[in-house]
Amino acid sequence: MNHISEAARTIPVLLETEVLVVGSGPGGLAAAVGAAREGARTTLVDRYGCFGGVITQVGVESIAWYRHEGTVDSEGIGIEFEQRATALGGTEPESQSLSEALDPELFKCVADELVREAGVEPLLHCLAVEPIMDGGTIKGVVAESKSGRQALLAARVIDATGDADLAYRAGVPCRTTPVGEMMGVTVTFSCAGVDKQRFLDYVKAQAPTYKDWSTGWRIETSGKEDHLFSPYLQEPFELARQAGIIPEDVTSIGGTWGRISGSGEATYLNMVYLRGYDCTDVRDLTRAEIEGRRQARLAIEALRRFAPGFEHARLRAFGMTLGTRDSRKIFGRCDLTGDDVRSEARYEDAIGIFPEFIDGHGLLVLPTTGRYFQVPYGILVPQKVDNLLVAGRCVAGDKLSHAAIRSQMCCAVTGQAAGVAAAVSLRSGATTAEVDVTRLQTALRRQGVRLF
């Protein structure tokens, strides 16, 4: 690769804050609100025009679709996301679980209100491009926006980018799953013109369950999921292949649907699952977006032809950006493992709990038996860089644990803990690596987090 030399230059400081959170998905939003509620002057930065990340920017409605009778759930700001959305009239009962399906458009307003009420300074349309370092300590970030290249200075920084972008550029050791082993990416889409009752009658006759996932996607379950209803569609796409509508070599179409509104809108269609794309590579991101939209159109034509109720369906919208499941993860003070998730691991530095829910890398386990694991603080603490914490799906762990920790609600668990830890460390004069875990746990309990 060729290189050029970039001249040194002086850039203006846009702001100085105590806690700077970069990325506003469930992890980043929970981090910012958690830090502000703990008394820290906090700024939340996002590169798009709304907060909410995978909810609002990708359109993923099902924040807690793992929840069933018998689930021992996490508590804290993540649950508040559901409650606040419901109070605003922005949810409907989720079709496959005891959770609420979020309206991504109204959740933009929920996120705005949470940020405003907590006293967080919002900064949208702002891309953090480079950490500001003083030796092994982070001091803020350089950002690019319509206002130009500017510095955002902070005593504590939380990387909630999803891909550990800041941590990686700051020199934190990271791992990236080999491209051939990465979970796929998705271009989500929605349709209008659906006959809701006709479609639901078709679904009832098909009676799909999670066992059907093993046929279309070679997914292994633990067995107890096999009889449970799943909003999964495969038959229309198989028939479309037989009819030549979908090319035989396109095996990435098939998946689940979300809300069907009374006005005939299928608001969340998760039906294009593309493998072999590295979401830390700009060319791969470009190819995946374009190919995903092409395959979404094929999926819509298959639904029109072979899914009763979709005969007159038409494209309503694509997600604002690609849905990413897997990319870069930090090496932390400790690493969560698949065995930890499966064996109800307990930790002295627990900062929350999460049900035994695994969705990825060929395995599906739903938490119907009350099993859960504790989430340790150490997976948020990166190696080699201080006063930086990581929240969301890029925390430290192996492949199988990532299939649990990447879940939106668990991202909120790690996010709230990161935000509160940043605030507690400031108040106590300790770095984020040295923060007193007992004081952190006390503060988390005050914010409604379940630790045990």
Protein backbone atom coordinates (compact mmCIF):
# COMPACT_ATOMS: atom_id res chain seq x y z
CA MET A 1 0.00 0.00 0.00
CA ASN A 2 1.31 3.46 -0.89
CA HIS A 3 1.51 6.12 1.80
CA ILE A 4 1.64 9.91 1.97
CA SER A 5 2.91 12.14 4.75
CA GLU A 6 0.29 14.19 6.57
CA ALA A 7 1.52 17.56 7.77
CA ALA A 8 1.14 18.37 11.44
CA ARG A 9 -1.46 21.01 12.15
CA THR A 10 -3.14 22.78 15.02
CA ILE A 11 -6.86 22.10 15.41
CA PRO A 12 -9.43 23.84 17.60
CA VAL A 13 -10.94 22.26 20.70
CA LEU A 14 -14.69 21.92 20.28
CA LEU A 15 -15.40 20.85 23.84
CA GLU A 16 -13.97 19.57 27.11
CA THR A 17 -15.95 17.09 29.15
CA GLU A 18 -15.47 14.56 31.91
CA VAL A 19 -16.86 11.46 30.15
CA LEU A 20 -16.92 11.17 26.37
CA VAL A 21 -18.95 8.31 24.89
CA VAL A 22 -18.39 7.53 21.23
CA GLY A 23 -21.21 5.56 19.59
CA SER A 24 -24.83 5.61 20.72
CA GLY A 25 -26.17 2.09 20.25
CA PRO A 26 -27.62 0.28 23.28
CA GLY A 27 -24.12 0.19 24.83
CA GLY A 28 -23.20 3.80 24.20
CA LEU A 29 -26.61 5.21 25.07
CA ALA A 30 -26.64 3.29 28.36
CA ALA A 31 -23.07 4.41 29.07
CA ALA A 32 -23.85 8.08 28.57
CA VAL A 33 -27.03 8.00 30.65
CA GLY A 34 -25.35 5.93 33.37
CA ALA A 35 -22.37 8.30 33.62
CA ALA A 36 -24.57 11.41 33.71
CA ARG A 37 -26.88 9.95 36.35
CA GLU A 38 -23.80 9.30 38.45
CA GLY A 39 -22.97 12.99 38.30
CA ALA A 40 -20.36 13.16 35.55
CA ARG A 41 -20.41 15.84 32.88
CA THR A 42 -20.99 13.66 29.83
CA THR A 43 -21.00 14.03 26.05
CA LEU A 44 -22.46 11.46 23.63
CA VAL A 45 -21.16 11.46 20.06
CA ASP A 46 -22.61 9.68 17.04
CA ARG A 47 -21.73 9.83 13.35
CA TYR A 48 -25.39 9.68 12.26
CA GLY A 49 -28.30 12.05 12.83
CA CYS A 50 -29.93 10.05 15.62
CA PHE A 51 -29.00 8.10 18.71
CA GLY A 52 -29.87 4.41 19.13
CA GLY A 53 -27.40 2.54 16.94
CA VAL A 54 -28.64 -0.83 15.79
CA ILE A 55 -32.19 0.02 16.91
CA THR A 56 -32.68 3.27 15.02
CA GLN A 57 -29.98 3.10 12.36
CA VAL A 58 -30.36 -0.54 11.33
CA GLY A 59 -33.98 -0.98 12.39
CA VAL A 60 -33.64 -3.97 14.73
CA GLU A 61 -36.81 -3.98 16.81
CA SER A 62 -36.27 -7.05 18.97
CA ILE A 63 -34.13 -5.85 21.86
CA ALA A 64 -35.01 -8.78 24.16
CA TRP A 65 -36.43 -11.57 21.98
CA TYR A 66 -34.64 -14.10 24.18
CA ARG A 67 -37.11 -13.44 27.02
CA HIS A 68 -39.43 -16.35 27.81
CA GLU A 69 -41.23 -17.72 30.82
CA GLY A 70 -38.49 -18.77 33.20
CA THR A 71 -35.94 -16.21 32.03
CA VAL A 72 -33.98 -14.48 34.78
CA ASP A 73 -33.30 -11.19 33.06
CA SER A 74 -30.82 -8.39 33.46
CA GLU A 75 -32.05 -5.13 34.94
CA GLY A 76 -31.08 -1.51 34.55
CA ILE A 77 -31.14 1.01 31.71
CA GLY A 78 -31.69 -1.64 29.02
CA ILE A 79 -35.05 -2.57 30.50
CA GLU A 80 -35.79 1.14 30.74
CA PHE A 81 -35.38 1.40 26.96
CA GLU A 82 -38.39 -0.90 26.58
CA GLN A 83 -40.41 0.78 29.30
CA ARG A 84 -39.85 4.30 27.99
CA ALA A 85 -40.67 3.26 24.43
CA THR A 86 -43.88 1.59 25.61
CA ALA A 87 -44.90 4.72 27.55
CA LEU A 88 -44.46 6.73 24.36
CA GLY A 89 -46.64 4.31 22.39
CA GLY A 90 -43.63 3.03 20.49
CA THR A 91 -43.84 -0.73 21.07
CA GLU A 92 -45.96 -3.76 20.31
CA PRO A 93 -45.75 -7.24 21.86
CA GLU A 94 -42.86 -9.08 20.20
CA SER A 95 -44.12 -12.11 18.29
CA GLN A 96 -41.81 -14.81 19.65
CA SER A 97 -41.13 -13.78 23.25
CA LEU A 98 -42.27 -11.98 26.38
CA SER A 99 -40.68 -8.73 25.26
CA GLU A 100 -41.63 -5.57 23.41
CA ALA A 101 -40.80 -4.89 19.77
CA LEU A 102 -39.55 -1.32 19.48
CA ASP A 103 -40.64 1.13 16.82
CA PRO A 104 -37.20 2.31 15.56
CA GLU A 105 -38.51 5.71 14.44
CA LEU A 106 -40.12 6.53 17.77
CA PHE A 107 -37.09 5.17 19.61
CA LYS A 108 -35.12 8.07 18.14
CA CYS A 109 -37.33 10.27 20.32
CA VAL A 110 -36.94 7.96 23.32
CA ALA A 111 -33.16 8.24 23.00
CA ASP A 112 -33.40 12.03 22.67
CA GLU A 113 -35.46 12.23 25.87
CA LEU A 114 -33.11 9.95 27.83
CA VAL A 115 -30.14 12.05 26.79
CA ARG A 116 -31.88 15.34 27.58
CA GLU A 117 -33.26 14.26 30.95
CA ALA A 118 -29.87 12.92 32.08
CA GLY A 119 -28.18 16.17 31.14
CA VAL A 120 -25.93 14.56 28.53
CA GLU A 121 -24.49 16.91 25.90
CA PRO A 122 -25.54 15.50 22.49
CA LEU A 123 -23.30 15.67 19.44
CA LEU A 124 -24.68 14.17 16.23
CA HIS A 125 -23.23 14.12 12.70
CA CYS A 126 -19.78 13.83 14.26
CA LEU A 127 -17.27 11.09 13.43
CA ALA A 128 -14.50 10.34 15.92
CA VAL A 129 -11.47 9.46 13.82
CA GLU A 130 -8.44 9.37 16.10
CA PRO A 131 -7.67 9.06 19.82
CA ILE A 132 -5.66 11.80 21.53
CA MET A 133 -3.00 10.07 23.59
CA ASP A 134 -0.55 11.07 26.30
CA GLY A 135 1.68 8.04 26.54
CA GLY A 136 -0.56 5.15 27.55
CA THR A 137 -3.47 7.37 28.64
CA ILE A 138 -6.28 8.59 26.41
CA LYS A 139 -7.15 12.28 26.63
CA GLY A 140 -9.95 12.60 24.09
CA VAL A 141 -10.53 12.18 20.37
CA VAL A 142 -10.11 14.03 17.12
CA ALA A 143 -13.42 14.31 15.27
CA GLU A 144 -14.51 15.29 11.78
CA SER A 145 -17.82 16.99 11.07
CA LYS A 146 -19.37 19.78 9.02
CA SER A 147 -17.63 22.09 11.50
CA GLY A 148 -14.25 20.73 10.40
CA ARG A 149 -11.54 18.79 12.21
CA GLN A 150 -11.78 19.45 15.95
CA ALA A 151 -10.65 18.01 19.27
CA LEU A 152 -13.00 16.63 21.93
CA LEU A 153 -11.08 16.49 25.21
CA ALA A 154 -12.17 14.21 28.05
CA ALA A 155 -10.93 12.78 31.32
CA ARG A 156 -12.52 9.42 30.48
CA VAL A 157 -13.44 7.96 27.08
CA ILE A 158 -15.82 5.07 26.36
CA ASP A 159 -15.50 3.28 23.02
CA ALA A 160 -18.99 2.12 22.07
CA THR A 161 -18.32 2.08 18.33
CA GLY A 162 -19.15 -1.63 18.04
CA ASP A 163 -15.90 -2.31 16.18
CA ALA A 164 -13.45 -1.08 18.88
CA ASP A 165 -12.35 1.62 16.44
CA LEU A 166 -10.89 3.97 19.06
CA ALA A 167 -9.35 1.23 21.18
CA TYR A 168 -7.64 -0.27 18.16
CA ARG A 169 -6.27 3.07 16.98
CA ALA A 170 -5.08 3.84 20.50
CA GLY A 171 -2.91 0.72 20.46
CA VAL A 172 -5.10 -1.67 22.44
CA PRO A 173 -4.41 -5.30 21.47
CA CYS A 174 -7.46 -6.58 19.57
CA ARG A 175 -8.60 -9.76 17.89
CA THR A 176 -10.66 -10.04 14.74
CA THR A 177 -12.53 -13.22 13.85
CA PRO A 178 -11.22 -14.62 10.54
CA VAL A 179 -13.51 -13.42 7.75
CA GLY A 180 -14.55 -16.95 6.85
CA GLU A 181 -15.70 -17.56 10.44
CA MET A 182 -17.41 -14.21 11.08
CA MET A 183 -21.13 -14.06 11.63
CA GLY A 184 -22.90 -12.57 8.64
CA VAL A 185 -24.01 -9.01 8.02
CA THR A 186 -27.55 -7.96 7.14
CA VAL A 187 -29.28 -5.31 5.10
CA THR A 188 -32.64 -5.03 6.87
CA PHE A 189 -35.71 -3.78 5.02
CA SER A 190 -39.41 -3.16 5.46
CA CYS A 191 -42.43 -3.55 3.19
CA ALA A 192 -45.79 -1.83 2.81
CA GLY A 193 -48.94 -3.29 1.28
CA VAL A 194 -49.07 -6.50 3.34
CA ASP A 195 -52.39 -8.18 4.13
CA LYS A 196 -51.72 -8.77 7.80
CA GLN A 197 -54.43 -11.32 8.55
CA ARG A 198 -53.80 -13.34 5.40
CA PHE A 199 -50.10 -13.50 6.22
CA LEU A 200 -50.67 -14.44 9.88
CA ASP A 201 -53.07 -17.20 8.78
CA TYR A 202 -50.31 -18.53 6.52
CA VAL A 203 -47.82 -18.43 9.38
CA LYS A 204 -50.24 -20.24 11.66
CA ALA A 205 -50.68 -23.00 9.09
CA GLN A 206 -46.91 -23.30 8.65
CA ALA A 207 -46.36 -23.37 12.46
CA PRO A 208 -42.63 -22.55 12.26
CA THR A 209 -40.39 -23.33 15.25
CA TYR A 210 -36.75 -22.85 16.09
CA LYS A 211 -36.10 -26.40 14.90
CA ASP A 212 -36.69 -25.05 11.38
CA TRP A 213 -33.53 -22.99 11.74
CA SER A 214 -31.52 -26.20 11.54
CA THR A 215 -32.95 -26.88 8.06
CA GLY A 216 -32.33 -23.51 6.45
CA TRP A 217 -29.30 -22.30 8.39
CA ARG A 218 -27.72 -25.43 9.94
CA ILE A 219 -28.24 -24.07 13.45
CA GLU A 220 -27.91 -26.38 16.45
CA THR A 221 -30.25 -25.80 19.38
CA SER A 222 -30.04 -27.18 22.89
CA GLY A 223 -33.26 -29.11 22.14
CA LYS A 224 -35.56 -27.24 24.49
CA GLU A 225 -36.08 -24.52 21.86
CA ASP A 226 -37.26 -26.89 19.12
CA HIS A 227 -40.99 -26.69 19.87
CA LEU A 228 -41.13 -22.91 20.44
CA PHE A 229 -42.69 -20.62 17.83
CA SER A 230 -40.28 -18.66 15.65
CA PRO A 231 -41.23 -15.97 13.08
CA TYR A 232 -39.05 -17.77 10.56
CA LEU A 233 -39.66 -17.97 6.82
CA GLN A 234 -37.89 -20.38 4.49
CA GLU A 235 -40.51 -21.95 2.19
CA PRO A 236 -41.12 -18.86 -0.02
CA PHE A 237 -37.42 -18.60 -0.78
CA GLU A 238 -37.02 -22.29 -1.54
CA LEU A 239 -39.96 -22.06 -3.96
CA ALA A 240 -38.44 -18.94 -5.50
CA ARG A 241 -35.21 -20.81 -6.16
CA GLN A 242 -37.11 -23.62 -7.81
CA ALA A 243 -38.90 -21.03 -9.97
CA GLY A 244 -35.62 -19.33 -10.94
CA ILE A 245 -36.45 -16.06 -9.16
CA ILE A 246 -33.56 -16.48 -6.73
CA PRO A 247 -30.38 -17.90 -8.30
CA GLU A 248 -29.42 -21.32 -6.95
CA ASP A 249 -26.07 -20.03 -5.73
CA VAL A 250 -27.71 -17.30 -3.58
CA THR A 251 -28.16 -19.16 -0.30
CA SER A 252 -28.16 -16.11 1.96
CA ILE A 253 -31.87 -15.26 1.70
CA GLY A 254 -34.22 -16.44 4.43
CA GLY A 255 -34.91 -15.38 7.99
CA THR A 256 -37.34 -13.71 10.34
CA TRP A 257 -40.00 -11.01 10.32
CA GLY A 258 -40.96 -8.57 13.06
CA ARG A 259 -43.99 -6.34 13.54
CA ILE A 260 -46.85 -6.36 11.00
CA SER A 261 -48.83 -3.19 11.51
CA GLY A 262 -52.57 -2.85 11.10
CA SER A 263 -51.94 -0.66 8.06
CA GLY A 264 -50.05 -3.46 6.34
CA GLU A 265 -46.43 -2.59 7.05
CA ALA A 266 -43.90 -5.35 7.73
CA THR A 267 -41.55 -3.09 9.63
CA TYR A 268 -38.56 -5.37 10.23
CA LEU A 269 -37.52 -8.03 7.73
CA ASN A 270 -34.26 -9.70 8.69
CA MET A 271 -33.94 -11.91 5.62
CA VAL A 272 -30.57 -11.25 4.00
CA TYR A 273 -27.60 -12.83 5.80
CA LEU A 274 -24.33 -12.20 3.97
CA ARG A 275 -21.15 -14.04 4.90
CA GLY A 276 -17.57 -13.24 4.01
CA TYR A 277 -17.54 -9.49 4.66
CA ASP A 278 -15.10 -7.76 7.02
CA CYS A 279 -16.82 -4.77 8.60
CA THR A 280 -13.50 -3.09 9.39
CA ASP A 281 -12.77 -2.89 5.63
CA VAL A 282 -14.43 0.02 3.80
CA ARG A 283 -14.52 -1.86 0.49
CA ASP A 284 -16.22 -4.86 2.11
CA LEU A 285 -18.75 -2.54 3.74
CA THR A 286 -19.49 -1.01 0.35
CA ARG A 287 -19.90 -4.37 -1.37
CA ALA A 288 -22.13 -5.70 1.41
CA GLU A 289 -24.49 -2.70 1.31
CA ILE A 290 -24.93 -2.97 -2.46
CA GLU A 291 -25.26 -6.76 -2.55
CA GLY A 292 -27.63 -6.68 0.42
CA ARG A 293 -29.99 -4.29 -1.33
CA ARG A 294 -29.91 -6.46 -4.45
CA GLN A 295 -30.78 -9.56 -2.46
CA ALA A 296 -33.50 -7.74 -0.52
CA ARG A 297 -35.26 -7.03 -3.81
CA LEU A 298 -35.02 -10.73 -4.69
CA ALA A 299 -36.47 -11.57 -1.27
CA ILE A 300 -39.40 -9.19 -1.78
CA GLU A 301 -40.20 -10.75 -5.16
CA ALA A 302 -40.11 -14.22 -3.57
CA LEU A 303 -42.48 -13.05 -0.83
CA ARG A 304 -44.83 -11.50 -3.38
CA ARG A 305 -44.98 -14.76 -5.31
CA PHE A 306 -45.02 -17.35 -2.55
CA ALA A 307 -45.97 -15.81 0.83
CA PRO A 308 -49.76 -15.32 1.14
CA GLY A 309 -50.47 -11.77 2.28
CA PHE A 310 -47.41 -10.34 0.50
CA GLU A 311 -48.95 -10.42 -3.00
CA HIS A 312 -49.08 -6.62 -3.22
CA ALA A 313 -46.14 -5.85 -0.97
CA ARG A 314 -43.65 -3.17 -2.01
CA LEU A 315 -40.38 -1.94 -0.59
CA ARG A 316 -40.89 0.63 2.15
CA ALA A 317 -37.34 1.32 3.38
CA PHE A 318 -33.89 -0.11 3.96
CA GLY A 319 -32.04 0.20 7.24
CA MET A 320 -29.88 3.33 7.36
CA THR A 321 -26.76 1.19 7.53
CA LEU A 322 -25.53 -2.38 7.51
CA GLY A 323 -26.37 -4.60 10.48
CA THR A 324 -23.09 -6.00 11.82
CA ARG A 325 -22.84 -8.93 14.22
CA ASP A 326 -19.14 -9.57 14.44
CA SER A 327 -15.88 -7.73 13.84
CA ARG A 328 -13.10 -6.55 16.17
CA LYS A 329 -12.88 -7.23 19.93
CA ILE A 330 -10.40 -6.06 22.52
CA PHE A 331 -8.12 -8.16 24.68
CA GLY A 332 -9.22 -7.13 28.14
CA ARG A 333 -8.08 -7.56 31.69
CA CYS A 334 -10.03 -10.80 31.45
CA ASP A 335 -11.80 -12.56 28.60
CA LEU A 336 -15.30 -14.02 28.78
CA THR A 337 -15.55 -17.52 27.32
CA GLY A 338 -18.32 -19.69 25.95
CA ASP A 339 -17.81 -21.98 28.92
CA ASP A 340 -18.44 -19.02 31.25
CA VAL A 341 -21.74 -18.34 29.51
CA ARG A 342 -22.80 -22.00 29.56
CA SER A 343 -21.68 -22.72 33.15
CA GLU A 344 -23.36 -19.76 34.94
CA ALA A 345 -20.01 -18.09 35.68
CA ARG A 346 -19.69 -15.90 38.78
CA TYR A 347 -17.19 -13.07 39.26
CA GLU A 348 -16.06 -10.92 42.16
CA ASP A 349 -16.02 -7.91 39.83
CA ALA A 350 -19.54 -8.54 38.46
CA ILE A 351 -21.17 -5.47 36.92
CA GLY A 352 -24.43 -7.12 35.85
CA ILE A 353 -26.02 -10.38 34.80
CA PHE A 354 -27.29 -11.72 31.51
CA PRO A 355 -29.41 -14.81 30.74
CA GLU A 356 -27.85 -17.87 29.17
CA PHE A 357 -28.74 -16.71 25.67
CA ILE A 358 -26.54 -17.64 22.71
CA ASP A 359 -27.33 -16.71 19.13
CA GLY A 360 -24.51 -17.19 16.67
CA HIS A 361 -21.70 -19.38 15.37
CA GLY A 362 -24.11 -22.22 14.67
CA LEU A 363 -25.74 -22.35 18.10
CA LEU A 364 -29.06 -21.12 19.48
CA VAL A 365 -29.81 -21.36 23.21
CA LEU A 366 -32.80 -19.57 24.72
CA PRO A 367 -32.90 -18.84 28.47
CA THR A 368 -36.05 -20.71 29.44
CA THR A 369 -34.67 -22.37 32.58
CA GLY A 370 -33.57 -19.41 34.70
CA ARG A 371 -29.85 -19.83 34.05
CA TYR A 372 -27.68 -16.72 33.82
CA PHE A 373 -24.05 -15.64 34.05
CA GLN A 374 -22.43 -12.64 35.66
CA VAL A 375 -20.69 -10.10 33.44
CA PRO A 376 -17.23 -9.15 34.76
CA TYR A 377 -15.83 -5.62 34.78
CA GLY A 378 -12.54 -6.92 33.39
CA ILE A 379 -13.95 -7.43 29.89
CA LEU A 380 -14.53 -3.67 29.61
CA VAL A 381 -10.96 -2.76 30.58
CA PRO A 382 -8.55 -2.79 27.62
CA GLN A 383 -4.91 -3.68 27.87
CA LYS A 384 -2.17 -1.03 27.55
CA VAL A 385 -4.41 2.09 27.53
CA ASP A 386 -5.81 3.73 30.65
CA ASN A 387 -8.91 5.86 31.21
CA LEU A 388 -10.47 4.11 28.23
CA LEU A 389 -13.34 1.66 28.63
CA VAL A 390 -15.11 -0.39 25.99
CA ALA A 391 -18.83 -1.14 25.88
CA GLY A 392 -21.06 -3.21 23.61
CA ARG A 393 -20.19 -6.06 21.29
CA CYS A 394 -16.45 -5.28 21.13
CA VAL A 395 -15.72 -6.19 24.77
CA ALA A 396 -13.23 -8.97 25.47
CA GLY A 397 -14.30 -12.55 24.83
CA ASP A 398 -14.04 -15.60 22.61
CA LYS A 399 -16.26 -16.48 19.64
CA LEU A 400 -18.98 -18.29 21.56
CA SER A 401 -19.24 -15.76 24.37
CA HIS A 402 -19.53 -13.07 21.71
CA ALA A 403 -22.71 -14.80 20.48
CA ALA A 404 -24.17 -13.89 23.89
CA ILE A 405 -22.52 -10.60 24.77
CA ARG A 406 -23.37 -9.00 21.41
CA SER A 407 -27.08 -9.02 22.27
CA GLN A 408 -28.58 -5.56 22.55
CA MET A 409 -29.66 -5.93 26.15
CA CYS A 410 -26.25 -7.23 27.19
CA CYS A 411 -24.66 -4.30 25.35
CA ALA A 412 -26.75 -2.08 27.62
CA VAL A 413 -25.41 -3.98 30.64
CA THR A 414 -21.77 -3.39 29.66
CA GLY A 415 -22.56 0.18 28.62
CA GLN A 416 -24.21 1.21 31.86
CA ALA A 417 -21.32 -0.33 33.79
CA ALA A 418 -18.74 1.51 31.69
CA GLY A 419 -20.49 4.85 32.17
CA VAL A 420 -20.89 4.40 35.91
CA ALA A 421 -17.29 3.16 36.26
CA ALA A 422 -16.02 6.24 34.44
CA ALA A 423 -17.98 8.53 36.78
CA VAL A 424 -16.97 6.63 39.94
CA SER A 425 -13.30 6.70 38.92
CA LEU A 426 -13.45 10.46 38.45
CA ARG A 427 -15.07 11.03 41.82
CA SER A 428 -12.55 8.79 43.61
CA GLY A 429 -9.48 10.02 41.76
CA ALA A 430 -8.66 6.56 40.43
CA THR A 431 -8.09 5.56 36.83
CA THR A 432 -10.60 3.30 35.11
CA ALA A 433 -8.18 0.39 35.53
CA GLU A 434 -7.83 1.07 39.28
CA VAL A 435 -11.44 1.95 40.15
CA ASP A 436 -12.69 0.35 43.36
CA VAL A 437 -15.04 -2.43 42.24
CA THR A 438 -17.02 -2.37 45.49
CA ARG A 439 -17.79 1.34 45.00
CA LEU A 440 -18.69 0.64 41.38
CA GLN A 441 -21.06 -2.15 42.36
CA THR A 442 -22.73 0.06 44.97
CA ALA A 443 -23.32 2.76 42.38
CA LEU A 444 -24.69 0.25 39.88
CA ARG A 445 -27.15 -1.09 42.46
CA ARG A 446 -28.35 2.48 43.06
CA GLN A 447 -29.11 2.67 39.35
CA GLY A 448 -31.21 -0.51 39.47
CA VAL A 449 -28.65 -2.98 38.09
CA ARG A 450 -28.95 -6.62 39.16
CA LEU A 451 -25.55 -8.06 40.09
CA PHE A 452 -26.48 -11.47 41.50
